[in-house]
Protein backbone atom coordinates (compact mmCIF):
# COMPACT_ATOMS: atom_id res chain seq x y z
CA MET A 1 -60.53 4.83 -17.26
CA ASN A 2 -60.74 3.50 -20.76
CA ARG A 3 -58.13 1.15 -22.06
CA LYS A 4 -55.96 3.84 -24.28
CA LEU A 5 -55.69 6.36 -21.01
CA PHE A 6 -54.75 3.50 -18.66
CA CYS A 7 -52.28 1.96 -21.32
CA PHE A 8 -50.70 5.90 -21.86
CA THR A 9 -50.69 6.21 -17.93
CA ALA A 10 -49.17 2.87 -17.25
CA VAL A 11 -46.22 3.48 -19.75
CA SER A 12 -45.93 7.36 -18.61
CA PHE A 13 -45.35 5.82 -15.09
CA PHE A 14 -42.73 3.36 -16.22
CA MET A 15 -40.94 6.06 -17.98
CA VAL A 16 -40.93 8.36 -15.11
CA MET A 17 -39.98 5.69 -12.72
CA SER A 18 -37.10 4.55 -15.11
CA ALA A 19 -35.61 7.74 -15.39
CA LEU A 20 -36.06 8.53 -11.71
CA THR A 21 -34.84 5.42 -10.18
CA PRO A 22 -32.88 3.82 -12.66
CA HIS A 23 -31.19 1.47 -10.20
CA LEU A 24 -34.35 -0.40 -9.70
CA PHE A 25 -33.56 -1.59 -13.57
CA ALA A 26 -30.13 -1.78 -13.74
CA GLU A 27 -28.47 -5.04 -14.22
CA ASP A 28 -26.16 -6.47 -11.49
CA TYR A 29 -22.37 -6.07 -11.86
CA LYS A 30 -21.08 -9.91 -11.68
CA VAL A 31 -17.94 -10.47 -10.11
CA GLY A 32 -16.44 -13.89 -9.61
CA CYS A 33 -14.52 -15.22 -6.81
CA LEU A 34 -11.87 -18.33 -6.59
CA PHE A 35 -11.20 -19.00 -3.08
CA SER A 36 -9.71 -22.03 -1.32
CA ILE A 37 -12.53 -21.99 1.35
CA THR A 38 -12.10 -25.67 2.67
CA GLY A 39 -9.09 -28.10 2.08
CA SER A 40 -5.27 -27.51 3.14
CA ALA A 41 -5.33 -23.77 2.37
CA SER A 42 -8.50 -22.76 4.12
CA TRP A 43 -6.94 -20.42 6.21
CA LEU A 44 -6.21 -18.43 3.39
CA GLY A 45 -9.53 -18.96 1.44
CA GLU A 46 -11.85 -18.20 4.41
CA PRO A 47 -11.10 -14.88 5.58
CA GLU A 48 -10.71 -14.13 1.75
CA ARG A 49 -14.53 -15.14 1.29
CA ASN A 50 -15.55 -13.48 4.42
CA THR A 51 -13.96 -10.20 3.61
CA ALA A 52 -15.53 -9.87 -0.07
CA GLU A 53 -18.87 -10.82 1.35
CA MET A 54 -18.61 -8.34 4.03
CA ILE A 55 -17.71 -5.49 1.18
CA ALA A 56 -20.12 -6.69 -0.95
CA GLU A 57 -23.09 -6.15 1.87
CA GLU A 58 -21.65 -2.91 2.59
CA ILE A 59 -21.45 -1.54 -0.97
CA ASN A 60 -25.05 -2.95 -1.58
CA LYS A 61 -26.59 -1.49 1.70
CA ALA A 62 -24.90 2.14 0.29
CA GLY A 63 -27.03 1.65 -3.07
CA GLY A 64 -24.77 -0.16 -5.06
CA ILE A 65 -22.33 0.83 -7.96
CA ASN A 66 -23.81 3.85 -9.82
CA GLY A 67 -27.26 2.07 -9.15
CA HIS A 68 -25.73 -1.33 -10.17
CA LYS A 69 -26.12 -4.07 -7.27
CA LEU A 70 -22.69 -5.83 -6.63
CA LYS A 71 -23.46 -9.44 -7.14
CA LEU A 72 -20.55 -11.86 -6.15
CA TYR A 73 -20.30 -15.38 -7.67
CA ILE A 74 -18.04 -17.17 -4.95
CA GLU A 75 -16.54 -20.62 -6.22
CA ASP A 76 -14.38 -22.86 -3.67
CA THR A 77 -11.43 -24.39 -5.22
CA GLN A 78 -10.35 -26.37 -2.36
CA GLY A 79 -7.00 -25.56 -3.58
CA ASP A 80 -7.25 -27.86 -6.30
CA ASN A 81 -5.82 -26.84 -9.82
CA THR A 82 -8.72 -28.73 -11.62
CA ARG A 83 -11.79 -27.56 -9.45
CA ALA A 84 -9.90 -24.03 -10.07
CA VAL A 85 -9.94 -24.24 -13.89
CA ASN A 86 -13.62 -25.73 -13.92
CA ALA A 87 -14.64 -23.34 -11.63
CA THR A 88 -13.22 -20.39 -13.97
CA LYS A 89 -15.02 -21.70 -16.95
CA LYS A 90 -18.24 -21.44 -15.26
CA LEU A 91 -18.00 -18.07 -13.77
CA ILE A 92 -16.96 -16.82 -17.30
CA LYS A 93 -19.24 -19.24 -19.66
CA LYS A 94 -22.03 -19.31 -17.24
CA ASP A 95 -22.21 -16.56 -14.81
CA LYS A 96 -20.90 -14.07 -17.28
CA VAL A 97 -18.79 -12.13 -14.72
CA CYS A 98 -16.68 -9.07 -15.54
CA ALA A 99 -13.59 -9.87 -13.38
CA ILE A 100 -12.72 -12.54 -11.12
CA ILE A 101 -10.54 -11.90 -7.77
CA GLY A 102 -8.43 -14.86 -6.53
CA PRO A 103 -7.44 -17.57 -6.39
CA SER A 104 -6.13 -17.88 -3.03
CA ARG A 105 -3.03 -20.04 -3.90
CA SER A 106 -0.07 -19.66 -6.60
CA GLY A 107 -0.58 -22.99 -8.27
CA THR A 108 -4.40 -22.67 -9.00
CA SER A 109 -3.74 -19.05 -10.09
CA MET A 110 -1.36 -20.51 -12.70
CA ALA A 111 -3.47 -23.06 -13.85
CA VAL A 112 -6.39 -20.51 -14.52
CA ILE A 113 -3.93 -17.72 -16.20
CA PRO A 114 -4.52 -19.54 -19.93
CA ILE A 115 -7.94 -19.28 -19.33
CA VAL A 116 -8.78 -15.72 -18.60
CA GLN A 117 -5.84 -14.66 -21.23
CA ALA A 118 -7.83 -16.37 -23.77
CA GLU A 119 -11.25 -15.20 -22.81
CA GLN A 120 -10.02 -11.79 -21.98
CA ILE A 121 -11.35 -11.64 -18.67
CA PRO A 122 -9.30 -9.77 -15.92
CA LEU A 123 -8.01 -11.46 -12.99
CA ILE A 124 -6.67 -10.20 -9.72
CA SER A 125 -4.73 -12.84 -7.93
CA CYS A 126 -4.96 -13.27 -4.16
CA ALA A 127 -1.80 -15.53 -4.31
CA GLY A 128 2.11 -14.50 -3.77
CA ALA A 129 4.25 -15.90 -6.40
CA GLU A 130 5.81 -13.48 -8.88
CA VAL A 131 5.47 -15.55 -11.97
CA ILE A 132 1.45 -14.73 -11.77
CA VAL A 133 2.23 -11.40 -13.02
CA GLU A 134 5.62 -11.98 -14.79
CA PRO A 135 6.30 -11.42 -17.69
CA VAL A 136 3.73 -9.05 -17.95
CA GLN A 137 3.68 -9.26 -21.85
CA GLU A 138 2.02 -13.02 -21.30
CA ARG A 139 -0.17 -11.78 -18.54
CA LYS A 140 -1.97 -8.69 -19.80
CA TRP A 141 -5.06 -9.74 -17.99
CA VAL A 142 -3.49 -10.75 -14.59
CA PHE A 143 -2.69 -8.47 -11.96
CA LYS A 144 -2.31 -9.51 -8.00
CA THR A 145 -2.21 -7.94 -4.82
CA PRO A 146 -0.09 -9.75 -2.41
CA GLN A 147 3.65 -8.24 -2.36
CA LYS A 148 6.31 -9.70 -4.43
CA ASP A 149 8.15 -13.07 -3.18
CA SER A 150 11.41 -11.63 -4.79
CA ASP A 151 10.77 -8.47 -2.59
CA CYS A 152 10.17 -11.05 0.42
CA VAL A 153 13.33 -12.79 -0.15
CA LYS A 154 15.19 -9.43 -0.19
CA ARG A 155 13.87 -8.09 3.05
CA ILE A 156 14.82 -11.43 4.60
CA TYR A 157 18.67 -10.88 3.06
CA ASP A 158 18.48 -7.31 4.26
CA HIS A 159 18.20 -8.75 7.91
CA LEU A 160 20.39 -11.51 7.70
CA THR A 161 22.78 -9.21 6.27
CA ALA A 162 22.51 -6.83 8.95
CA LYS A 163 23.08 -9.70 11.56
CA GLY A 164 26.14 -10.71 9.75
CA ILE A 165 24.48 -14.13 8.67
CA LYS A 166 25.80 -15.68 5.47
CA ASP A 167 25.42 -19.46 5.76
CA ILE A 168 21.75 -20.09 5.33
CA GLY A 169 19.68 -23.35 5.20
CA ILE A 170 16.46 -23.36 3.18
CA ILE A 171 13.23 -25.86 3.24
CA SER A 172 10.40 -25.25 1.18
CA GLY A 173 7.17 -26.94 0.21
CA THR A 174 6.55 -28.40 -3.34
CA THR A 175 3.34 -26.45 -3.94
CA GLY A 176 3.45 -23.60 -6.57
CA PHE A 177 4.29 -20.97 -4.08
CA GLY A 178 6.88 -22.60 -2.14
CA THR A 179 8.76 -23.88 -5.49
CA ALA A 180 8.70 -19.88 -7.01
CA GLY A 181 10.11 -18.96 -3.36
CA ARG A 182 12.62 -21.40 -3.53
CA ASP A 183 13.73 -20.17 -7.12
CA GLN A 184 13.74 -16.44 -5.82
CA LEU A 185 15.96 -17.40 -2.52
CA LYS A 186 18.38 -19.23 -4.97
CA ALA A 187 18.45 -16.55 -7.75
CA ILE A 188 19.05 -13.53 -5.30
CA ALA A 189 21.15 -15.23 -3.07
CA LYS A 190 24.41 -14.45 -4.90
CA GLU A 191 23.49 -10.52 -5.17
CA TYR A 192 23.55 -10.76 -1.16
CA GLY A 193 26.47 -12.94 -0.84
CA MET A 194 24.49 -15.81 0.77
CA ASN A 195 25.51 -19.34 1.17
CA ILE A 196 22.88 -21.69 0.64
CA VAL A 197 24.66 -24.63 2.58
CA ALA A 198 21.46 -26.77 2.48
CA ASP A 199 18.18 -26.95 0.46
CA GLU A 200 15.38 -29.27 1.33
CA THR A 201 11.77 -29.67 0.34
CA TYR A 202 8.78 -31.35 1.74
CA SER A 203 5.23 -32.16 0.04
CA PRO A 204 2.05 -30.67 1.15
CA ALA A 205 0.82 -33.36 3.20
CA ASP A 206 4.17 -34.08 4.99
CA THR A 207 3.63 -33.87 9.03
CA ASP A 208 7.16 -34.40 10.16
CA MET A 209 10.28 -32.44 8.59
CA THR A 210 12.56 -34.08 11.14
CA ALA A 211 14.97 -35.55 8.74
CA GLN A 212 15.37 -32.70 6.66
CA LEU A 213 15.89 -30.47 9.55
CA VAL A 214 18.59 -32.92 11.07
CA LYS A 215 20.55 -32.51 7.36
CA ILE A 216 20.32 -28.72 7.81
CA ARG A 217 21.53 -28.73 11.19
CA ASN A 218 24.66 -31.04 9.96
CA SER A 219 24.99 -28.50 7.12
CA GLY A 220 26.16 -25.74 9.69
CA ALA A 221 23.33 -23.10 9.00
CA LYS A 222 23.35 -20.37 10.89
CA ALA A 223 19.59 -19.51 9.98
CA LEU A 224 16.81 -21.24 8.22
CA VAL A 225 14.29 -19.85 5.89
CA ASN A 226 10.94 -21.82 5.56
CA TRP A 227 8.96 -21.18 2.50
CA SER A 228 5.26 -22.19 2.53
CA ILE A 229 1.78 -21.75 2.84
CA VAL A 230 0.56 -25.17 3.92
CA PRO A 231 0.48 -26.31 7.53
CA ALA A 232 4.41 -27.09 7.54
CA GLN A 233 4.84 -23.37 8.28
CA SER A 234 3.80 -24.51 11.77
CA ILE A 235 5.15 -28.23 11.83
CA VAL A 236 9.08 -27.16 11.02
CA PRO A 237 9.17 -24.70 14.24
CA LYS A 238 7.41 -27.34 16.21
CA ASN A 239 10.33 -29.85 14.82
CA MET A 240 13.16 -27.46 15.51
CA LYS A 241 12.07 -27.27 19.15
CA GLN A 242 11.83 -30.92 19.30
CA LEU A 243 15.37 -31.34 18.13
CA LYS A 244 16.70 -28.06 19.94
CA PHE A 245 17.77 -26.75 16.73
CA ASP A 246 18.23 -23.04 17.99
CA ILE A 247 18.97 -20.91 15.11
CA PRO A 248 16.77 -18.15 13.55
CA LEU A 249 13.98 -19.22 11.68
CA TYR A 250 12.41 -16.97 9.00
CA GLN A 251 9.14 -17.69 7.05
CA SER A 252 7.78 -16.21 4.13
CA HIS A 253 4.86 -13.54 3.77
CA GLY A 254 2.92 -16.63 3.83
CA PHE A 255 2.93 -17.02 7.59
CA GLY A 256 0.52 -13.80 7.89
CA ASN A 257 -2.38 -15.91 9.73
CA VAL A 258 -2.38 -15.97 13.51
CA LYS A 259 -3.83 -19.53 13.01
CA TYR A 260 -0.40 -20.71 12.10
CA VAL A 261 1.11 -19.03 15.21
CA GLU A 262 -1.48 -20.84 17.31
CA ALA A 263 -1.01 -24.21 15.39
CA ALA A 264 3.01 -23.82 16.24
CA GLY A 265 2.20 -22.58 20.09
CA PRO A 266 5.26 -21.92 21.86
CA ALA A 267 7.58 -22.76 19.21
CA ALA A 268 6.37 -19.78 17.00
CA ASP A 269 8.03 -17.38 19.49
CA GLY A 270 10.58 -15.44 17.70
CA ILE A 271 9.93 -16.51 14.21
CA ILE A 272 10.99 -13.66 12.04
CA PHE A 273 9.09 -12.81 8.63
CA PRO A 274 8.30 -9.80 6.29
CA GLY A 275 4.65 -9.15 6.27
CA GLY A 276 1.85 -6.63 5.84
CA ARG A 277 0.98 -3.85 7.98
CA LEU A 278 -2.33 -5.13 8.47
CA LEU A 279 -0.83 -7.59 11.16
CA CYS A 280 0.47 -4.77 13.33
CA VAL A 281 -1.85 -2.04 12.63
CA ASP A 282 -1.42 -0.16 16.04
CA SER A 283 2.38 -0.25 15.60
CA VAL A 284 2.14 1.44 12.20
CA SER A 285 2.86 5.53 12.83
CA ASP A 286 -0.27 7.65 12.16
CA ASP A 287 1.20 9.54 9.32
CA ASN A 288 1.48 6.19 7.33
CA PRO A 289 -1.13 6.45 4.41
CA GLN A 290 -2.30 3.03 5.19
CA LYS A 291 -3.31 3.58 8.84
CA ALA A 292 -6.85 4.57 8.41
CA VAL A 293 -7.67 1.72 5.78
CA LEU A 294 -5.83 -0.98 7.75
CA LYS A 295 -7.64 0.05 11.01
CA GLN A 296 -11.22 0.56 9.49
CA TYR A 297 -10.63 -3.14 7.83
CA ARG A 298 -9.53 -4.75 11.03
CA ASP A 299 -12.23 -3.32 12.96
CA ALA A 300 -14.74 -4.27 10.72
CA TYR A 301 -13.69 -7.60 9.96
CA GLU A 302 -12.85 -8.52 13.55
CA ALA A 303 -16.61 -7.09 14.75
CA ARG A 304 -18.13 -9.03 12.34
CA PHE A 305 -16.30 -12.16 12.19
CA LYS A 306 -15.32 -12.54 15.90
CA ASP A 307 -11.92 -13.68 14.54
CA LYS A 308 -8.33 -11.96 14.06
CA VAL A 309 -7.70 -10.41 10.76
CA SER A 310 -5.21 -11.62 8.25
CA THR A 311 -3.20 -10.54 5.49
CA PHE A 312 -4.95 -13.04 3.14
CA GLY A 313 -8.16 -11.41 3.77
CA GLY A 314 -6.51 -8.17 3.10
CA HIS A 315 -5.20 -9.53 -0.36
CA ALA A 316 -9.48 -10.07 -1.37
CA TYR A 317 -9.98 -6.51 0.36
CA ASP A 318 -7.61 -4.88 -2.01
CA SER A 319 -8.26 -7.19 -5.26
CA LEU A 320 -12.19 -6.41 -4.79
CA TRP A 321 -11.69 -2.93 -3.94
CA LEU A 322 -9.57 -2.55 -7.14
CA VAL A 323 -12.37 -3.99 -9.44
CA ILE A 324 -15.32 -1.92 -7.31
CA ASN A 325 -13.30 1.45 -8.43
CA ALA A 326 -12.81 0.16 -11.81
CA LEU A 327 -16.52 -0.48 -11.97
CA LYS A 328 -17.44 2.96 -10.54
CA ALA A 329 -15.02 4.74 -13.33
CA VAL A 330 -15.69 2.48 -16.21
CA GLY A 331 -18.52 -0.07 -15.80
CA ASP A 332 -18.56 -3.60 -16.53
CA ASP A 333 -16.80 -3.81 -19.57
CA PRO A 334 -13.95 -6.58 -19.07
CA ALA A 335 -11.65 -4.38 -21.43
CA LYS A 336 -12.02 -1.21 -19.70
CA ILE A 337 -11.66 -2.85 -16.40
CA ARG A 338 -8.60 -4.28 -17.44
CA ASP A 339 -7.14 -1.05 -18.97
CA TYR A 340 -8.25 1.25 -15.92
CA LEU A 341 -6.38 -1.43 -13.34
CA GLU A 342 -3.34 -1.37 -15.30
CA THR A 343 -3.14 2.74 -14.43
CA SER A 344 -4.70 2.59 -11.01
CA THR A 345 -3.24 3.31 -7.53
CA LEU A 346 -4.79 2.12 -4.42
CA VAL A 347 -3.84 2.79 -0.48
CA GLY A 348 -4.85 -0.77 0.43
CA THR A 349 -3.98 -3.16 3.12
CA GLY A 350 -1.11 -4.66 1.08
CA GLY A 351 0.60 -1.36 0.86
CA VAL A 352 0.23 1.43 -1.54
CA PHE A 353 -0.25 0.07 -5.12
CA LYS A 354 0.67 1.68 -8.25
CA PHE A 355 0.08 -0.20 -11.07
CA SER A 356 1.49 0.16 -14.49
CA PRO A 357 1.74 -1.51 -18.32
CA THR A 358 5.08 -2.96 -16.93
CA ASP A 359 3.96 -3.50 -13.08
CA HIS A 360 0.89 -5.53 -12.56
CA ASN A 361 1.50 -5.93 -8.96
CA GLY A 362 2.40 -2.13 -8.01
CA LEU A 363 4.49 -2.59 -5.04
CA ASP A 364 8.09 -2.80 -3.70
CA LYS A 365 9.66 -4.30 -1.00
CA ASN A 366 8.90 -1.25 1.22
CA ALA A 367 5.32 -2.91 1.32
CA PHE A 368 6.93 -4.80 3.82
CA GLU A 369 7.47 -4.62 7.80
CA MET A 370 9.78 -6.93 9.28
CA ILE A 371 7.74 -8.70 12.00
CA THR A 372 8.34 -11.20 14.66
CA ILE A 373 6.24 -13.44 17.16
CA LYS A 374 6.20 -12.43 21.01
CA ASN A 375 4.10 -14.14 23.21
CA GLY A 376 2.04 -15.70 20.59
CA GLU A 377 1.39 -12.36 18.96
CA PHE A 378 2.31 -10.41 16.05
CA VAL A 379 4.82 -7.58 16.65
CA VAL A 380 6.98 -5.12 14.69
CA LEU A 381 10.38 -6.36 14.88
CA LYS A 382 12.83 -3.67 16.54
CA ASP A 383 15.93 -4.83 15.53
C-alpha cells in the first residue's frame, strides 16, 4: 500500500470510528466532591464518599453520560474549614470541575461559599444549616439537599405541642450546624409558645456534658432538645441516663446515622428526632413516591459496603443525581448546570425536591418523619 493510500485509509477509519463511537473520544465530565471522610465528622463523610463512588461506577459501567465518563475528584476536608477552602480552590483551578457536591458540614460549607460564588461553579452542599442557601440572592451558585433546620425545629415543636410540653431546655454544639440550629430553636419558639428555660452549649471536643445537664435539670425543663452532629449526640443521652434525668430527649436530623445510636448504647432508646425516610424504608407506605428510590439505594449500599445506610450517604446520593441529571440535559457548562438545578425536580432520599429561583433546597417539613429509637433501631414514631 502506498503512503498516500495508507494515510487516506487511516484518516477515513478515524473519522468513521469517531462518528460511530463518540464516547471513545469524549472528554470526561469532571465533578468535585468535598467530604469529611476522616476526623470527628467521618460518620458523615465516609458514607457520602462511598455513595458517590458507587453511583459513578454504576453510571460508567452503563456507558457514562451521553458518551462521557463521569470522573469524580474526591477531597477529604477532615471537617476543617481551611482544608475545605484549599480543596475547593484545587477542584476549580487544577481539576477544572464543572460542579461540586459537599461539603459534609455546615461550617465548611459556609467557608467555601465565597469561592464558588466568585468562580461561578455550582455547589450542592450535603450539610443541614439553612443559612447555606439563604438569602438566595446572595447564594446564586449554592444549593443543598439536607432538609432545612427550621423545618426540623417545626416538626419537633409540633410534637412537643401535641404532648402539651412548653417548658424546654436546649443544648447545642458550637459548630456551624449547632449554632444555626440553636438560632432556629430560639427564633421559632415564640411562634409555638415555647419557653426556653435553659440554653446550654458545648464544644465539639467536649466529652462530658454533666455540668450543663445539671443546670438544665434545675431549670425545670420538661423536655430537652440536643442539636449537634458531633459525638456529643451520643454523649448527652448517656450523661442523662447516668444522672437519672428522665425527660424526653429530642435530637436534630443530624442524628440520622445508626453509629450514633450504637455509641449511645441503651441510652439511645426513646430518643425522638425528625429524620429522612431512608432510615425507616420498610415502614414507608408503598404508594409514597420515595419508596422505590429509598429501597433501591438502601439495598445497593448495604449489599456493597456491608454497613447500614445513613441519611448522610443519602444527601450525597441526592446531590450527585441532581448533577448527573443536569449533565444529561445541558452538558458540563457550569452556568447551564446552575440554571438547570434552579428549576429541577427530583424524587430523592431526602424528599421530593422542587427547586426554584427562590428556594435552593426544594423541601418542606413534610420531608421529615418523626423517628424514635427502639432496641437500637430506627422506627417511625407512632404517637
